[in-house]
Amino acid sequence: MSRPLARAAVLVALAIGMVAVLCGPALAHQERKVGRYHFAVGFGDEPAYAGLKNSVQLFLSDEKTGKPINDLGPTLQVQVSYQSQKMAPITMEPDFEIGESGTPGDYRGWFIPTRPGVYSFHFAGSIHGHKVSEIFKSGPKTFSDVTDPQSVEFPAKDPTAGQLNDLLNRETSRLNADITTARSNASDQAASNRNLTLVALTLAVIALIVGALGMRRKAR
């Protein structure tokens, strides 16, 4: 291969690598047209790990021009769902400052996912007066599910706060069941002891009566 061709091949490879790096975050987000706007939605940090602070991330731009929307204001909220549980709505906030830091059009709703699995984001509210109600769900074709952090922990695989809480709840339930059983057994034993006492007292009374009747007969 000649030097010009080799140099061209290197430049192409570098260009492809740069495109892959720049497009990486977008590929991990679900993109959708929402009215006159373009949504790119996913977790702010991907892969997302249970027990670690993360965020619902929304890249908001104009559908026609592709320009980021930088003046959303507190008019759009997101509600995070996991299985049948729903979190209180979170107001989307800008994670950028024009001319200083961040990516224009990048809005976040911060929270801590505490369990691994599938999460849904329901956006509701308005953008510049246009009503919005859209649901985005994690998955292999959209954006990252939440992952158990033990898969990447080293050298020790420590349980998450959620796993410790589940263990505590299981042990508490087991202990409560043992206490209930012990109380029931104690109650049954106490009832048995009371019955024996009543029988003994009854026999004693009968013996006294029999003895009294015998003494009367002798007196006659």
Protein backbone atom coordinates (compact mmCIF):
# COMPACT_ATOMS: atom_id res chain seq x y z
CA MET A 1 0.00 0.00 0.00
CA SER A 2 1.34 3.43 -0.97
CA ARG A 3 1.93 6.11 1.62
CA PRO A 4 -0.98 8.31 0.43
CA LEU A 5 -3.41 5.37 0.63
CA ALA A 6 -2.12 4.33 4.04
CA ARG A 7 -2.46 7.89 5.31
CA ALA A 8 -5.98 8.09 3.91
CA ALA A 9 -6.91 4.80 5.57
CA VAL A 10 -5.64 6.08 8.94
CA LEU A 11 -7.62 9.31 8.58
CA VAL A 12 -10.78 7.39 7.72
CA ALA A 13 -10.31 5.11 10.73
CA LEU A 14 -9.79 8.09 13.01
CA ALA A 15 -12.87 9.80 11.59
CA ILE A 16 -14.98 6.70 12.15
CA GLY A 17 -13.66 6.45 15.70
CA MET A 18 -14.50 10.07 16.44
CA VAL A 19 -18.02 9.64 15.06
CA ALA A 20 -18.52 6.56 17.21
CA VAL A 21 -17.37 8.44 20.31
CA LEU A 22 -19.51 11.48 19.57
CA CYS A 23 -22.57 9.40 18.75
CA GLY A 24 -22.14 6.99 21.66
CA PRO A 25 -24.47 8.72 24.13
CA ALA A 26 -27.19 9.23 21.50
CA LEU A 27 -27.11 5.55 20.51
CA ALA A 28 -27.89 4.65 24.13
CA HIS A 29 -30.96 6.91 24.10
CA GLN A 30 -34.38 6.52 22.53
CA GLU A 31 -35.17 9.21 19.98
CA ARG A 32 -38.66 10.35 19.02
CA LYS A 33 -40.49 13.23 17.39
CA VAL A 34 -42.84 14.87 19.89
CA GLY A 35 -44.90 17.51 18.12
CA ARG A 36 -42.51 20.17 16.86
CA TYR A 37 -39.70 18.89 19.09
CA HIS A 38 -37.15 16.09 19.04
CA PHE A 39 -36.63 13.99 22.19
CA ALA A 40 -33.57 11.83 22.94
CA VAL A 41 -34.21 10.08 26.26
CA GLY A 42 -32.19 7.76 28.47
CA PHE A 43 -30.26 7.54 31.72
CA GLY A 44 -27.75 10.31 32.33
CA ASP A 45 -25.09 7.70 33.19
CA GLU A 46 -25.11 4.48 31.21
CA PRO A 47 -24.86 1.69 32.00
CA ALA A 48 -27.08 2.53 34.96
CA TYR A 49 -26.32 0.70 38.22
CA ALA A 50 -28.74 0.07 41.09
CA GLY A 51 -27.98 2.07 44.22
CA LEU A 52 -26.00 4.81 42.43
CA LYS A 53 -27.21 8.35 41.77
CA ASN A 54 -28.41 8.80 38.20
CA SER A 55 -30.87 10.89 36.21
CA VAL A 56 -33.51 10.87 33.55
CA GLN A 57 -31.75 12.64 30.67
CA LEU A 58 -33.58 14.50 27.91
CA PHE A 59 -31.82 16.08 24.95
CA LEU A 60 -34.45 18.53 23.68
CA SER A 61 -34.19 20.17 20.27
CA ASP A 62 -36.31 21.66 17.50
CA GLU A 63 -37.48 18.92 15.12
CA LYS A 64 -37.01 21.00 11.97
CA THR A 65 -33.82 22.94 12.64
CA GLY A 66 -32.12 20.56 15.06
CA LYS A 67 -31.24 23.48 17.31
CA PRO A 68 -31.30 22.75 21.07
CA ILE A 69 -34.11 24.21 23.17
CA ASN A 70 -32.34 26.19 25.88
CA ASP A 71 -35.26 27.97 27.55
CA LEU A 72 -37.61 25.17 28.61
CA GLY A 73 -38.41 26.50 32.09
CA PRO A 74 -40.07 24.43 34.87
CA THR A 75 -42.97 23.30 32.67
CA LEU A 76 -42.03 19.68 32.01
CA GLN A 77 -42.01 16.86 34.54
CA VAL A 78 -41.06 13.19 34.40
CA GLN A 79 -42.49 10.34 36.46
CA VAL A 80 -40.26 7.29 36.91
CA SER A 81 -41.96 3.88 37.10
CA TYR A 82 -40.59 0.49 38.15
CA GLN A 83 -42.92 -2.50 37.88
CA SER A 84 -46.14 -1.32 39.60
CA GLN A 85 -44.43 1.45 41.58
CA LYS A 86 -44.44 5.09 40.54
CA MET A 87 -42.21 7.86 41.85
CA ALA A 88 -43.48 11.38 42.50
CA PRO A 89 -43.03 13.56 39.38
CA ILE A 90 -39.65 15.31 38.99
CA THR A 91 -39.28 18.68 37.29
CA MET A 92 -36.76 18.56 34.44
CA GLU A 93 -33.90 21.00 35.02
CA PRO A 94 -31.15 22.25 32.69
CA ASP A 95 -27.77 20.56 33.14
CA PHE A 96 -25.94 23.25 31.20
CA GLU A 97 -25.01 26.92 31.24
CA ILE A 98 -24.83 28.62 27.87
CA GLY A 99 -21.23 29.56 27.06
CA GLU A 100 -19.88 27.94 30.21
CA SER A 101 -20.51 24.23 30.72
CA GLY A 102 -22.63 21.29 29.66
CA THR A 103 -24.45 20.52 26.42
CA PRO A 104 -27.23 22.93 25.39
CA GLY A 105 -30.63 21.26 25.45
CA ASP A 106 -29.57 18.71 28.09
CA TYR A 107 -32.24 18.46 30.82
CA ARG A 108 -32.18 16.15 33.84
CA GLY A 109 -34.45 14.69 36.48
CA TRP A 110 -32.23 13.35 39.26
CA PHE A 111 -32.99 10.21 41.29
CA ILE A 112 -31.40 6.99 42.59
CA PRO A 113 -32.63 3.72 41.02
CA THR A 114 -32.52 1.20 43.87
CA ARG A 115 -33.41 -2.02 42.03
CA PRO A 116 -32.11 -3.55 38.79
CA GLY A 117 -34.55 -4.02 35.93
CA VAL A 118 -36.77 -2.15 33.50
CA TYR A 119 -37.69 1.50 34.11
CA SER A 120 -40.22 3.76 32.38
CA PHE A 121 -40.12 7.56 32.08
CA HIS A 122 -43.41 9.41 31.58
CA PHE A 123 -42.95 13.02 30.47
CA ALA A 124 -45.94 15.29 31.12
CA GLY A 125 -46.49 19.03 31.01
CA SER A 126 -45.74 21.49 28.24
CA ILE A 127 -42.95 22.96 26.12
CA HIS A 128 -43.56 26.59 25.16
CA GLY A 129 -47.29 26.04 25.53
CA HIS A 130 -47.39 22.74 23.60
CA LYS A 131 -48.78 19.90 25.76
CA VAL A 132 -46.65 16.80 26.20
CA SER A 133 -47.49 13.27 27.39
CA GLU A 134 -44.92 10.70 26.28
CA ILE A 135 -43.66 7.42 27.79
CA PHE A 136 -40.17 6.01 27.19
CA LYS A 137 -39.24 2.52 28.41
CA SER A 138 -35.78 1.03 28.89
CA GLY A 139 -34.79 -2.07 26.96
CA PRO A 140 -32.34 -3.52 24.41
CA LYS A 141 -33.72 -1.34 21.58
CA THR A 142 -34.12 1.90 23.55
CA PHE A 143 -31.80 2.70 26.46
CA SER A 144 -30.05 0.92 29.30
CA ASP A 145 -31.99 -1.06 31.93
CA VAL A 146 -30.68 -0.69 35.47
CA THR A 147 -27.97 -3.28 36.21
CA ASP A 148 -26.91 -5.02 39.41
CA PRO A 149 -23.55 -3.38 40.31
CA GLN A 150 -22.12 -6.69 41.56
CA SER A 151 -21.42 -7.61 37.94
CA VAL A 152 -18.61 -5.02 37.87
CA GLU A 153 -17.53 -4.90 41.52
CA PHE A 154 -13.98 -5.88 42.41
CA PRO A 155 -12.34 -7.29 44.44
CA ALA A 156 -15.35 -7.88 46.72
CA LYS A 157 -18.96 -8.00 45.59
CA ASP A 158 -20.73 -5.94 48.23
CA PRO A 159 -24.54 -6.04 48.51
CA THR A 160 -26.42 -2.87 47.60
CA ALA A 161 -28.53 -0.94 50.09
CA GLY A 162 -31.61 -2.39 48.37
CA GLN A 163 -30.35 -5.96 48.77
CA LEU A 164 -29.58 -5.34 52.44
CA ASN A 165 -33.05 -3.90 52.91
CA ASP A 166 -34.64 -6.95 51.26
CA LEU A 167 -32.60 -9.26 53.51
CA LEU A 168 -33.61 -7.26 56.59
CA ASN A 169 -37.28 -7.43 55.59
CA ARG A 170 -37.07 -11.22 55.07
CA GLU A 171 -35.35 -11.78 58.41
CA THR A 172 -37.80 -9.45 60.18
CA SER A 173 -40.75 -11.35 58.70
CA ARG A 174 -39.21 -14.67 59.76
CA LEU A 175 -38.54 -13.36 63.28
CA ASN A 176 -42.09 -12.03 63.59
CA ALA A 177 -43.46 -15.40 62.49
CA ASP A 178 -41.29 -17.17 65.09
CA ILE A 179 -42.49 -14.76 67.80
CA THR A 180 -46.13 -15.33 66.82
CA THR A 181 -45.63 -19.10 66.93
CA ALA A 182 -43.91 -18.90 70.30
CA ARG A 183 -46.72 -16.75 71.71
CA SER A 184 -49.30 -19.17 70.35
CA ASN A 185 -47.49 -22.14 71.90
CA ALA A 186 -47.13 -20.28 75.18
CA SER A 187 -50.82 -19.40 75.10
CA ASP A 188 -51.74 -23.04 74.44
CA GLN A 189 -49.47 -24.17 77.28
CA ALA A 190 -50.96 -21.58 79.63
CA ALA A 191 -54.48 -22.72 78.71
CA SER A 192 -53.46 -26.34 79.34
CA ASN A 193 -52.03 -25.40 82.74
CA ARG A 194 -55.23 -23.56 83.64
CA ASN A 195 -57.32 -26.60 82.71
CA LEU A 196 -55.15 -28.88 84.84
CA THR A 197 -55.49 -26.48 87.76
CA LEU A 198 -59.29 -26.40 87.40
CA VAL A 199 -59.42 -30.22 87.28
CA ALA A 200 -57.27 -30.45 90.42
CA LEU A 201 -59.44 -27.92 92.24
CA THR A 202 -62.58 -29.74 91.15
CA LEU A 203 -61.20 -33.05 92.39
CA ALA A 204 -60.21 -31.41 95.68
CA VAL A 205 -63.71 -29.97 96.15
CA ILE A 206 -65.26 -33.37 95.36
CA ALA A 207 -62.93 -35.01 97.87
CA LEU A 208 -63.93 -32.49 100.55
CA ILE A 209 -67.60 -33.06 99.84
CA VAL A 210 -67.18 -36.83 99.94
CA GLY A 211 -65.22 -36.54 103.16
CA ALA A 212 -67.87 -34.31 104.73
CA LEU A 213 -70.66 -36.73 103.78
CA GLY A 214 -68.67 -39.61 105.30
CA MET A 215 -68.24 -37.74 108.59
CA ARG A 216 -71.97 -37.04 108.76
CA ARG A 217 -72.79 -40.71 108.25
CA LYS A 218 -70.45 -41.67 111.09
CA ALA A 219 -72.01 -39.04 113.33
CA ARG A 220 -75.44 -40.57 112.77
